[in-house]
Amino acid sequence: MITGPIIAEMAALVGDPARATMVAALVDGGALTATELAAAARITPQTGSGHLAKLTEAGVLSVARNGRHRHFRLASPAVADMIDGIVAVALSKRPRYL
């Protein structure tokens, strides 16, 4: 199986700074509204909705309606593991200052 394109697609999806911030805000297992996630990423709610639609469509996030609000959370523990892995690799190569 050729996995390169699959990896590239997922990396591009979570590699956008606003989407990465939104996903990172959910790593603790909680759920946040679209407005809260847009604020965390410092983007407008309209822009946030577009990002959240992409993340939900790709299976990175799941959404539950609660009245007029939509609450987003990571779709699975595998997504949290993916984000934790990316962070671990990124932090292992950070310069260390004395």
PDB file of N, CA and C in Angstrom:
ATOM      1  N   MET A   1       0.843  -1.179   0.000  1.00  0.00           N
ATOM      2  CA  MET A   1       0.000   0.000   0.000  1.00  0.00           C
ATOM      3  C   MET A   1       0.889   1.244   0.000  1.00  0.00           C
ATOM      4  N   ILE A   2       0.556   2.198  -0.830  1.00  0.00           N
ATOM      5  CA  ILE A   2       1.307   3.447  -0.910  1.00  0.00           C
ATOM      6  C   ILE A   2       0.676   4.432   0.075  1.00  0.00           C
ATOM      7  N   THR A   3       1.418   4.764   1.123  1.00  0.00           N
ATOM      8  CA  THR A   3       0.857   5.619   2.174  1.00  0.00           C
ATOM      9  C   THR A   3       1.314   7.067   2.082  1.00  0.00           C
ATOM     10  N   GLY A   4       2.274   7.355   1.225  1.00  0.00           N
ATOM     11  CA  GLY A   4       2.792   8.713   1.127  1.00  0.00           C
ATOM     12  C   GLY A   4       1.714   9.767   0.909  1.00  0.00           C
ATOM     13  N   PRO A   5       0.827   9.590  -0.084  1.00  0.00           N
ATOM     14  CA  PRO A   5      -0.212  10.595  -0.297  1.00  0.00           C
ATOM     15  C   PRO A   5      -1.172  10.744   0.881  1.00  0.00           C
ATOM     16  N   ILE A   6      -1.435   9.642   1.569  1.00  0.00           N
ATOM     17  CA  ILE A   6      -2.329   9.700   2.730  1.00  0.00           C
ATOM     18  C   ILE A   6      -1.678  10.510   3.850  1.00  0.00           C
ATOM     19  N   ILE A   7      -0.397  10.257   4.085  1.00  0.00           N
ATOM     20  CA  ILE A   7       0.334  11.007   5.107  1.00  0.00           C
ATOM     21  C   ILE A   7       0.369  12.484   4.752  1.00  0.00           C
ATOM     22  N   ALA A   8       0.657  12.779   3.483  1.00  0.00           N
ATOM     23  CA  ALA A   8       0.743  14.176   3.047  1.00  0.00           C
ATOM     24  C   ALA A   8      -0.589  14.894   3.208  1.00  0.00           C
ATOM     25  N   GLU A   9      -1.680  14.215   2.886  1.00  0.00           N
ATOM     26  CA  GLU A   9      -2.999  14.831   3.008  1.00  0.00           C
ATOM     27  C   GLU A   9      -3.321  15.158   4.469  1.00  0.00           C
ATOM     28  N   MET A  10      -3.074  14.221   5.362  1.00  0.00           N
ATOM     29  CA  MET A  10      -3.358  14.460   6.779  1.00  0.00           C
ATOM     30  C   MET A  10      -2.420  15.511   7.357  1.00  0.00           C
ATOM     31  N   ALA A  11      -1.156  15.463   6.965  1.00  0.00           N
ATOM     32  CA  ALA A  11      -0.187  16.446   7.453  1.00  0.00           C
ATOM     33  C   ALA A  11      -0.559  17.851   7.003  1.00  0.00           C
ATOM     34  N   ALA A  12      -1.003  17.983   5.766  1.00  0.00           N
ATOM     35  CA  ALA A  12      -1.422  19.295   5.272  1.00  0.00           C
ATOM     36  C   ALA A  12      -2.656  19.784   6.011  1.00  0.00           C
ATOM     37  N   LEU A  13      -3.547  18.869   6.320  1.00  0.00           N
ATOM     38  CA  LEU A  13      -4.780  19.233   7.017  1.00  0.00           C
ATOM     39  C   LEU A  13      -4.486  19.770   8.413  1.00  0.00           C
ATOM     40  N   VAL A  14      -3.692  19.056   9.186  1.00  0.00           N
ATOM     41  CA  VAL A  14      -3.405  19.506  10.558  1.00  0.00           C
ATOM     42  C   VAL A  14      -2.196  20.430  10.607  1.00  0.00           C
ATOM     43  N   GLY A  15      -1.524  20.621   9.475  1.00  0.00           N
ATOM     44  CA  GLY A  15      -0.351  21.482   9.435  1.00  0.00           C
ATOM     45  C   GLY A  15      -0.667  22.958   9.320  1.00  0.00           C
ATOM     46  N   ASP A  16      -1.896  23.295   8.961  1.00  0.00           N
ATOM     47  CA  ASP A  16      -2.300  24.698   8.926  1.00  0.00           C
ATOM     48  C   ASP A  16      -2.282  25.237  10.354  1.00  0.00           C
ATOM     49  N   PRO A  17      -1.659  26.397  10.600  1.00  0.00           N
ATOM     50  CA  PRO A  17      -1.542  26.897  11.966  1.00  0.00           C
ATOM     51  C   PRO A  17      -2.874  27.055  12.709  1.00  0.00           C
ATOM     52  N   ALA A  18      -3.894  27.542  12.050  1.00  0.00           N
ATOM     53  CA  ALA A  18      -5.188  27.713  12.726  1.00  0.00           C
ATOM     54  C   ALA A  18      -5.800  26.358  13.062  1.00  0.00           C
ATOM     55  N   ARG A  19      -5.776  25.433  12.106  1.00  0.00           N
ATOM     56  CA  ARG A  19      -6.337  24.105  12.373  1.00  0.00           C
ATOM     57  C   ARG A  19      -5.523  23.372  13.426  1.00  0.00           C
ATOM     58  N   ALA A  20      -4.205  23.518  13.392  1.00  0.00           N
ATOM     59  CA  ALA A  20      -3.359  22.866  14.395  1.00  0.00           C
ATOM     60  C   ALA A  20      -3.691  23.382  15.789  1.00  0.00           C
ATOM     61  N   THR A  21      -3.925  24.681  15.905  1.00  0.00           N
ATOM     62  CA  THR A  21      -4.284  25.260  17.202  1.00  0.00           C
ATOM     63  C   THR A  21      -5.629  24.736  17.675  1.00  0.00           C
ATOM     64  N   MET A  22      -6.575  24.631  16.768  1.00  0.00           N
ATOM     65  CA  MET A  22      -7.899  24.107  17.130  1.00  0.00           C
ATOM     66  C   MET A  22      -7.805  22.663  17.615  1.00  0.00           C
ATOM     67  N   VAL A  23      -7.061  21.846  16.882  1.00  0.00           N
ATOM     68  CA  VAL A  23      -6.913  20.441  17.264  1.00  0.00           C
ATOM     69  C   VAL A  23      -6.170  20.333  18.593  1.00  0.00           C
ATOM     70  N   ALA A  24      -5.125  21.128  18.775  1.00  0.00           N
ATOM     71  CA  ALA A  24      -4.353  21.085  20.026  1.00  0.00           C
ATOM     72  C   ALA A  24      -5.215  21.482  21.222  1.00  0.00           C
ATOM     73  N   ALA A  25      -6.170  22.371  21.009  1.00  0.00           N
ATOM     74  CA  ALA A  25      -7.057  22.786  22.103  1.00  0.00           C
ATOM     75  C   ALA A  25      -7.960  21.644  22.562  1.00  0.00           C
ATOM     76  N   LEU A  26      -8.080  20.604  21.746  1.00  0.00           N
ATOM     77  CA  LEU A  26      -8.960  19.481  22.073  1.00  0.00           C
ATOM     78  C   LEU A  26      -8.217  18.230  22.527  1.00  0.00           C
ATOM     79  N   VAL A  27      -6.910  18.278  22.576  1.00  0.00           N
ATOM     80  CA  VAL A  27      -6.120  17.088  22.907  1.00  0.00           C
ATOM     81  C   VAL A  27      -6.406  16.569  24.310  1.00  0.00           C
ATOM     82  N   ASP A  28      -6.841  17.431  25.207  1.00  0.00           N
ATOM     83  CA  ASP A  28      -7.122  16.989  26.575  1.00  0.00           C
ATOM     84  C   ASP A  28      -8.382  16.135  26.674  1.00  0.00           C
ATOM     85  N   GLY A  29      -9.094  15.956  25.566  1.00  0.00           N
ATOM     86  CA  GLY A  29     -10.276  15.101  25.565  1.00  0.00           C
ATOM     87  C   GLY A  29     -11.581  15.847  25.735  1.00  0.00           C
ATOM     88  N   GLY A  30     -11.515  17.136  25.943  1.00  0.00           N
ATOM     89  CA  GLY A  30     -12.724  17.923  26.126  1.00  0.00           C
ATOM     90  C   GLY A  30     -13.386  18.266  24.806  1.00  0.00           C
ATOM     91  N   ALA A  31     -14.496  18.972  24.911  1.00  0.00           N
ATOM     92  CA  ALA A  31     -15.230  19.436  23.740  1.00  0.00           C
ATOM     93  C   ALA A  31     -15.385  20.948  23.841  1.00  0.00           C
ATOM     94  N   LEU A  32     -15.248  21.633  22.719  1.00  0.00           N
ATOM     95  CA  LEU A  32     -15.388  23.084  22.678  1.00  0.00           C
ATOM     96  C   LEU A  32     -16.317  23.472  21.537  1.00  0.00           C
ATOM     97  N   THR A  33     -16.926  24.633  21.677  1.00  0.00           N
ATOM     98  CA  THR A  33     -17.792  25.134  20.612  1.00  0.00           C
ATOM     99  C   THR A  33     -16.948  25.701  19.478  1.00  0.00           C
ATOM    100  N   ALA A  34     -17.598  25.915  18.358  1.00  0.00           N
ATOM    101  CA  ALA A  34     -16.923  26.510  17.207  1.00  0.00           C
ATOM    102  C   ALA A  34     -16.390  27.889  17.558  1.00  0.00           C
ATOM    103  N   THR A  35     -17.162  28.650  18.315  1.00  0.00           N
ATOM    104  CA  THR A  35     -16.733  29.994  18.717  1.00  0.00           C
ATOM    105  C   THR A  35     -15.490  29.931  19.593  1.00  0.00           C
ATOM    106  N   GLU A  36     -15.460  29.001  20.536  1.00  0.00           N
ATOM    107  CA  GLU A  36     -14.297  28.857  21.419  1.00  0.00           C
ATOM    108  C   GLU A  36     -13.058  28.436  20.638  1.00  0.00           C
ATOM    109  N   LEU A  37     -13.234  27.545  19.681  1.00  0.00           N
ATOM    110  CA  LEU A  37     -12.093  27.090  18.887  1.00  0.00           C
ATOM    111  C   LEU A  37     -11.575  28.196  17.966  1.00  0.00           C
ATOM    112  N   ALA A  38     -12.479  28.970  17.401  1.00  0.00           N
ATOM    113  CA  ALA A  38     -12.047  30.098  16.562  1.00  0.00           C
ATOM    114  C   ALA A  38     -11.275  31.113  17.404  1.00  0.00           C
ATOM    115  N   ALA A  39     -11.755  31.377  18.609  1.00  0.00           N
ATOM    116  CA  ALA A  39     -11.058  32.321  19.493  1.00  0.00           C
ATOM    117  C   ALA A  39      -9.680  31.790  19.859  1.00  0.00           C
ATOM    118  N   ALA A  40      -9.576  30.498  20.128  1.00  0.00           N
ATOM    119  CA  ALA A  40      -8.280  29.906  20.473  1.00  0.00           C
ATOM    120  C   ALA A  40      -7.284  30.059  19.326  1.00  0.00           C
ATOM    121  N   ALA A  41      -7.790  29.934  18.093  1.00  0.00           N
ATOM    122  CA  ALA A  41      -6.928  30.043  16.918  1.00  0.00           C
ATOM    123  C   ALA A  41      -6.751  31.484  16.454  1.00  0.00           C
ATOM    124  N   ARG A  42      -7.425  32.416  17.117  1.00  0.00           N
ATOM    125  CA  ARG A  42      -7.363  33.841  16.780  1.00  0.00           C
ATOM    126  C   ARG A  42      -7.780  34.108  15.338  1.00  0.00           C
ATOM    127  N   ILE A  43      -8.909  33.498  14.973  1.00  0.00           N
ATOM    128  CA  ILE A  43      -9.488  33.705  13.658  1.00  0.00           C
ATOM    129  C   ILE A  43     -10.967  34.038  13.819  1.00  0.00           C
ATOM    130  N   THR A  44     -11.585  34.515  12.758  1.00  0.00           N
ATOM    131  CA  THR A  44     -13.003  34.847  12.828  1.00  0.00           C
ATOM    132  C   THR A  44     -13.831  33.567  12.891  1.00  0.00           C
ATOM    133  N   PRO A  45     -15.028  33.657  13.453  1.00  0.00           N
ATOM    134  CA  PRO A  45     -15.895  32.477  13.482  1.00  0.00           C
ATOM    135  C   PRO A  45     -16.193  31.916  12.081  1.00  0.00           C
ATOM    136  N   GLN A  46     -16.316  32.792  11.083  1.00  0.00           N
ATOM    137  CA  GLN A  46     -16.580  32.325   9.724  1.00  0.00           C
ATOM    138  C   GLN A  46     -15.414  31.496   9.193  1.00  0.00           C
ATOM    139  N   THR A  47     -14.198  31.976   9.412  1.00  0.00           N
ATOM    140  CA  THR A  47     -13.012  31.219   8.991  1.00  0.00           C
ATOM    141  C   THR A  47     -12.919  29.921   9.774  1.00  0.00           C
ATOM    142  N   GLY A  48     -13.211  29.991  11.060  1.00  0.00           N
ATOM    143  CA  GLY A  48     -13.196  28.799  11.907  1.00  0.00           C
ATOM    144  C   GLY A  48     -14.159  27.738  11.408  1.00  0.00           C
ATOM    145  N   SER A  49     -15.341  28.153  10.960  1.00  0.00           N
ATOM    146  CA  SER A  49     -16.327  27.187  10.460  1.00  0.00           C
ATOM    147  C   SER A  49     -15.786  26.418   9.265  1.00  0.00           C
ATOM    148  N   GLY A  50     -15.085  27.107   8.388  1.00  0.00           N
ATOM    149  CA  GLY A  50     -14.488  26.430   7.238  1.00  0.00           C
ATOM    150  C   GLY A  50     -13.444  25.404   7.654  1.00  0.00           C
ATOM    151  N   HIS A  51     -12.591  25.796   8.595  1.00  0.00           N
ATOM    152  CA  HIS A  51     -11.571  24.868   9.094  1.00  0.00           C
ATOM    153  C   HIS A  51     -12.208  23.675   9.795  1.00  0.00           C
ATOM    154  N   LEU A  52     -13.216  23.935  10.621  1.00  0.00           N
ATOM    155  CA  LEU A  52     -13.876  22.847  11.351  1.00  0.00           C
ATOM    156  C   LEU A  52     -14.585  21.885  10.399  1.00  0.00           C
ATOM    157  N   ALA A  53     -15.144  22.405   9.324  1.00  0.00           N
ATOM    158  CA  ALA A  53     -15.786  21.541   8.336  1.00  0.00           C
ATOM    159  C   ALA A  53     -14.765  20.596   7.707  1.00  0.00           C
ATOM    160  N   LYS A  54     -13.596  21.114   7.370  1.00  0.00           N
ATOM    161  CA  LYS A  54     -12.544  20.273   6.782  1.00  0.00           C
ATOM    162  C   LYS A  54     -12.081  19.206   7.762  1.00  0.00           C
ATOM    163  N   LEU A  55     -11.866  19.600   9.019  1.00  0.00           N
ATOM    164  CA  LEU A  55     -11.397  18.648  10.027  1.00  0.00           C
ATOM    165  C   LEU A  55     -12.443  17.570  10.318  1.00  0.00           C
ATOM    166  N   THR A  56     -13.705  17.953  10.318  1.00  0.00           N
ATOM    167  CA  THR A  56     -14.782  17.000  10.574  1.00  0.00           C
ATOM    168  C   THR A  56     -14.938  16.049   9.389  1.00  0.00           C
ATOM    169  N   GLU A  57     -14.905  16.593   8.189  1.00  0.00           N
ATOM    170  CA  GLU A  57     -15.045  15.770   6.987  1.00  0.00           C
ATOM    171  C   GLU A  57     -13.926  14.740   6.876  1.00  0.00           C
ATOM    172  N   ALA A  58     -12.737  15.107   7.315  1.00  0.00           N
ATOM    173  CA  ALA A  58     -11.584  14.200   7.244  1.00  0.00           C
ATOM    174  C   ALA A  58     -11.562  13.187   8.382  1.00  0.00           C
ATOM    175  N   GLY A  59     -12.461  13.317   9.348  1.00  0.00           N
ATOM    176  CA  GLY A  59     -12.502  12.371  10.460  1.00  0.00           C
ATOM    177  C   GLY A  59     -11.558  12.701  11.584  1.00  0.00           C
ATOM    178  N   VAL A  60     -11.014  13.907  11.593  1.00  0.00           N
ATOM    179  CA  VAL A  60     -10.135  14.331  12.687  1.00  0.00           C
ATOM    180  C   VAL A  60     -10.978  14.739  13.895  1.00  0.00           C
ATOM    181  N   LEU A  61     -12.093  15.410  13.632  1.00  0.00           N
ATOM    182  CA  LEU A  61     -12.999  15.857  14.693  1.00  0.00           C
ATOM    183  C   LEU A  61     -14.367  15.225  14.518  1.00  0.00           C
ATOM    184  N   SER A  62     -15.079  15.124  15.626  1.00  0.00           N
ATOM    185  CA  SER A  62     -16.493  14.757  15.588  1.00  0.00           C
ATOM    186  C   SER A  62     -17.261  15.918  16.188  1.00  0.00           C
ATOM    187  N   VAL A  63     -18.527  16.005  15.853  1.00  0.00           N
ATOM    188  CA  VAL A  63     -19.338  17.128  16.301  1.00  0.00           C
ATOM    189  C   VAL A  63     -20.645  16.603  16.879  1.00  0.00           C
ATOM    190  N   ALA A  64     -21.084  17.249  17.959  1.00  0.00           N
ATOM    191  CA  ALA A  64     -22.368  16.927  18.577  1.00  0.00           C
ATOM    192  C   ALA A  64     -23.142  18.224  18.768  1.00  0.00           C
ATOM    193  N   ARG A  65     -24.407  18.203  18.398  1.00  0.00           N
ATOM    194  CA  ARG A  65     -25.255  19.376  18.581  1.00  0.00           C
ATOM    195  C   ARG A  65     -25.824  19.367  19.984  1.00  0.00           C
ATOM    196  N   ASN A  66     -25.826  20.558  20.591  1.00  0.00           N
ATOM    197  CA  ASN A  66     -26.435  20.746  21.902  1.00  0.00           C
ATOM    198  C   ASN A  66     -27.226  22.044  21.808  1.00  0.00           C
ATOM    199  N   GLY A  67     -28.496  21.937  21.465  1.00  0.00           N
ATOM    200  CA  GLY A  67     -29.284  23.136  21.216  1.00  0.00           C
ATOM    201  C   GLY A  67     -28.781  23.802  19.955  1.00  0.00           C
ATOM    202  N   ARG A  68     -28.488  25.077  20.043  1.00  0.00           N
ATOM    203  CA  ARG A  68     -27.993  25.784  18.860  1.00  0.00           C
ATOM    204  C   ARG A  68     -26.479  25.724  18.742  1.00  0.00           C
ATOM    205  N   HIS A  69     -25.817  25.137  19.715  1.00  0.00           N
ATOM    206  CA  HIS A  69     -24.356  25.056  19.704  1.00  0.00           C
ATOM    207  C   HIS A  69     -23.891  23.708  19.168  1.00  0.00           C
ATOM    208  N   ARG A  70     -22.731  23.743  18.528  1.00  0.00           N
ATOM    209  CA  ARG A  70     -22.066  22.519  18.092  1.00  0.00           C
ATOM    210  C   ARG A  70     -20.798  22.377  18.933  1.00  0.00           C
ATOM    211  N   HIS A  71     -20.624  21.234  19.524  1.00  0.00           N
ATOM    212  CA  HIS A  71     -19.429  20.962  20.325  1.00  0.00           C
ATOM    213  C   HIS A  71     -18.544  19.985  19.561  1.00  0.00           C
ATOM    214  N   PHE A  72     -17.289  20.374  19.408  1.00  0.00           N
ATOM    215  CA  PHE A  72     -16.328  19.567  18.674  1.00  0.00           C
ATOM    216  C   PHE A  72     -15.386  18.882  19.641  1.00  0.00           C
ATOM    217  N   ARG A  73     -14.981  17.679  19.279  1.00  0.00           N
ATOM    218  CA  ARG A  73     -13.968  16.928  20.031  1.00  0.00           C
ATOM    219  C   ARG A  73     -13.164  16.106  19.053  1.00  0.00           C
ATOM    220  N   LEU A  74     -12.042  15.587  19.506  1.00  0.00           N
ATOM    221  CA  LEU A  74     -11.254  14.711  18.648  1.00  0.00           C
ATOM    222  C   LEU A  74     -12.087  13.473  18.333  1.00  0.00           C
ATOM    223  N   ALA A  75     -12.004  13.000  17.114  1.00  0.00           N
ATOM    224  CA  ALA A  75     -12.848  11.901  16.664  1.00  0.00           C
ATOM    225  C   ALA A  75     -12.481  10.561  17.299  1.00  0.00           C
ATOM    226  N   SER A  76     -11.222  10.411  17.691  1.00  0.00           N
ATOM    227  CA  SER A  76     -10.803   9.121  18.254  1.00  0.00           C
ATOM    228  C   SER A  76      -9.500   9.284  19.031  1.00  0.00           C
ATOM    229  N   PRO A  77      -9.191   8.295  19.861  1.00  0.00           N
ATOM    230  CA  PRO A  77      -7.889   8.322  20.539  1.00  0.00           C
ATOM    231  C   PRO A  77      -6.717   8.288  19.555  1.00  0.00           C
ATOM    232  N   ALA A  78      -6.923   7.720  18.380  1.00  0.00           N
ATOM    233  CA  ALA A  78      -5.850   7.677  17.371  1.00  0.00           C
ATOM    234  C   ALA A  78      -5.458   9.090  16.939  1.00  0.00           C
ATOM    235  N   VAL A  79      -6.414  10.005  16.885  1.00  0.00           N
ATOM    236  CA  VAL A  79      -6.103  11.390  16.526  1.00  0.00           C
ATOM    237  C   VAL A  79      -5.250  12.021  17.619  1.00  0.00           C
ATOM    238  N   ALA A  80      -5.604  11.789  18.875  1.00  0.00           N
ATOM    239  CA  ALA A  80      -4.806  12.322  19.990  1.00  0.00           C
ATOM    240  C   ALA A  80      -3.394  11.747  19.945  1.00  0.00           C
ATOM    241  N   ASP A  81      -3.284  10.451  19.644  1.00  0.00           N
ATOM    242  CA  ASP A  81      -1.959   9.824  19.537  1.00  0.00           C
ATOM    243  C   ASP A  81      -1.150  10.450  18.397  1.00  0.00           C
ATOM    244  N   MET A  82      -1.817  10.743  17.278  1.00  0.00           N
ATOM    245  CA  MET A  82      -1.130  11.372  16.151  1.00  0.00           C
ATOM    246  C   MET A  82      -0.572  12.730  16.562  1.00  0.00           C
ATOM    247  N   ILE A  83      -1.392  13.543  17.215  1.00  0.00           N
ATOM    248  CA  ILE A  83      -0.960  14.875  17.630  1.00  0.00           C
ATOM    249  C   ILE A  83       0.154  14.768  18.664  1.00  0.00           C
ATOM    250  N   ASP A  84      -0.006  13.868  19.628  1.00  0.00           N
ATOM    251  CA  ASP A  84       1.048  13.675  20.632  1.00  0.00           C
ATOM    252  C   ASP A  84       2.363  13.257  19.973  1.00  0.00           C
ATOM    253  N   GLY A  85       2.289  12.414  18.955  1.00  0.00           N
ATOM    254  CA  GLY A  85       3.491  11.981  18.235  1.00  0.00           C
ATOM    255  C   GLY A  85       4.165  13.123  17.499  1.00  0.00           C
ATOM    256  N   ILE A  86       3.364  13.949  16.852  1.00  0.00           N
ATOM    257  CA  ILE A  86       3.928  15.109  16.147  1.00  0.00           C
ATOM    258  C   ILE A  86       4.624  16.032  17.131  1.00  0.00           C
ATOM    259  N   VAL A  87       3.981  16.288  18.260  1.00  0.00           N
ATOM    260  CA  VAL A  87       4.562  17.175  19.277  1.00  0.00           C
ATOM    261  C   VAL A  87       5.853  16.574  19.826  1.00  0.00           C
ATOM    262  N   ALA A  88       5.858  15.276  20.088  1.00  0.00           N
ATOM    263  CA  ALA A  88       7.059  14.629  20.625  1.00  0.00           C
ATOM    264  C   ALA A  88       8.235  14.756  19.668  1.00  0.00           C
ATOM    265  N   VAL A  89       7.986  14.533  18.380  1.00  0.00           N
ATOM    266  CA  VAL A  89       9.061  14.649  17.390  1.00  0.00           C
ATOM    267  C   VAL A  89       9.531  16.102  17.294  1.00  0.00           C
ATOM    268  N   ALA A  90       8.579  17.029  17.270  1.00  0.00           N
ATOM    269  CA  ALA A  90       8.943  18.449  17.164  1.00  0.00           C
ATOM    270  C   ALA A  90       9.763  18.901  18.361  1.00  0.00           C
ATOM    271  N   LEU A  91       9.380  18.477  19.550  1.00  0.00           N
ATOM    272  CA  LEU A  91      10.103  18.898  20.752  1.00  0.00           C
ATOM    273  C   LEU A  91      11.472  18.242  20.872  1.00  0.00           C
ATOM    274  N   SER A  92      11.640  17.057  20.288  1.00  0.00           N
ATOM    275  CA  SER A  92      12.943  16.374  20.392  1.00  0.00           C
ATOM    276  C   SER A  92      14.021  17.086  19.582  1.00  0.00           C
ATOM    277  N   LYS A  93      13.631  17.896  18.645  1.00  0.00           N
ATOM    278  CA  LYS A  93      14.606  18.596  17.801  1.00  0.00           C
ATOM    279  C   LYS A  93      14.707  20.081  18.123  1.00  0.00           C
ATOM    280  N   ARG A  94      14.060  20.526  19.184  1.00  0.00           N
ATOM    281  CA  ARG A  94      14.165  21.928  19.560  1.00  0.00           C
ATOM    282  C   ARG A  94      15.549  22.207  20.114  1.00  0.00           C
ATOM    283  N   PRO A  95      16.087  23.373  19.839  1.00  0.00           N
ATOM    284  CA  PRO A  95      17.389  23.703  20.436  1.00  0.00           C
ATOM    285  C   PRO A  95      17.285  23.766  21.953  1.00  0.00           C
ATOM    286  N   ARG A  96      18.271  23.266  22.589  1.00  0.00           N
ATOM    287  CA  ARG A  96      18.295  23.302  24.057  1.00  0.00           C
ATOM    288  C   ARG A  96      19.267  24.375  24.505  1.00  0.00           C
ATOM    289  N   TYR A  97      18.743  25.273  25.319  1.00  0.00           N
ATOM    290  CA  TYR A  97      19.556  26.382  25.818  1.00  0.00           C
ATOM    291  C   TYR A  97      19.895  26.142  27.275  1.00  0.00           C
ATOM    292  N   LEU A  98      21.084  26.508  27.644  1.00  0.00           N
ATOM    293  CA  LEU A  98      21.495  26.380  29.048  1.00  0.00           C
ATOM    294  C   LEU A  98      21.088  27.586  29.842  1.00  0.00           C
TER     295      LEU A  98
END
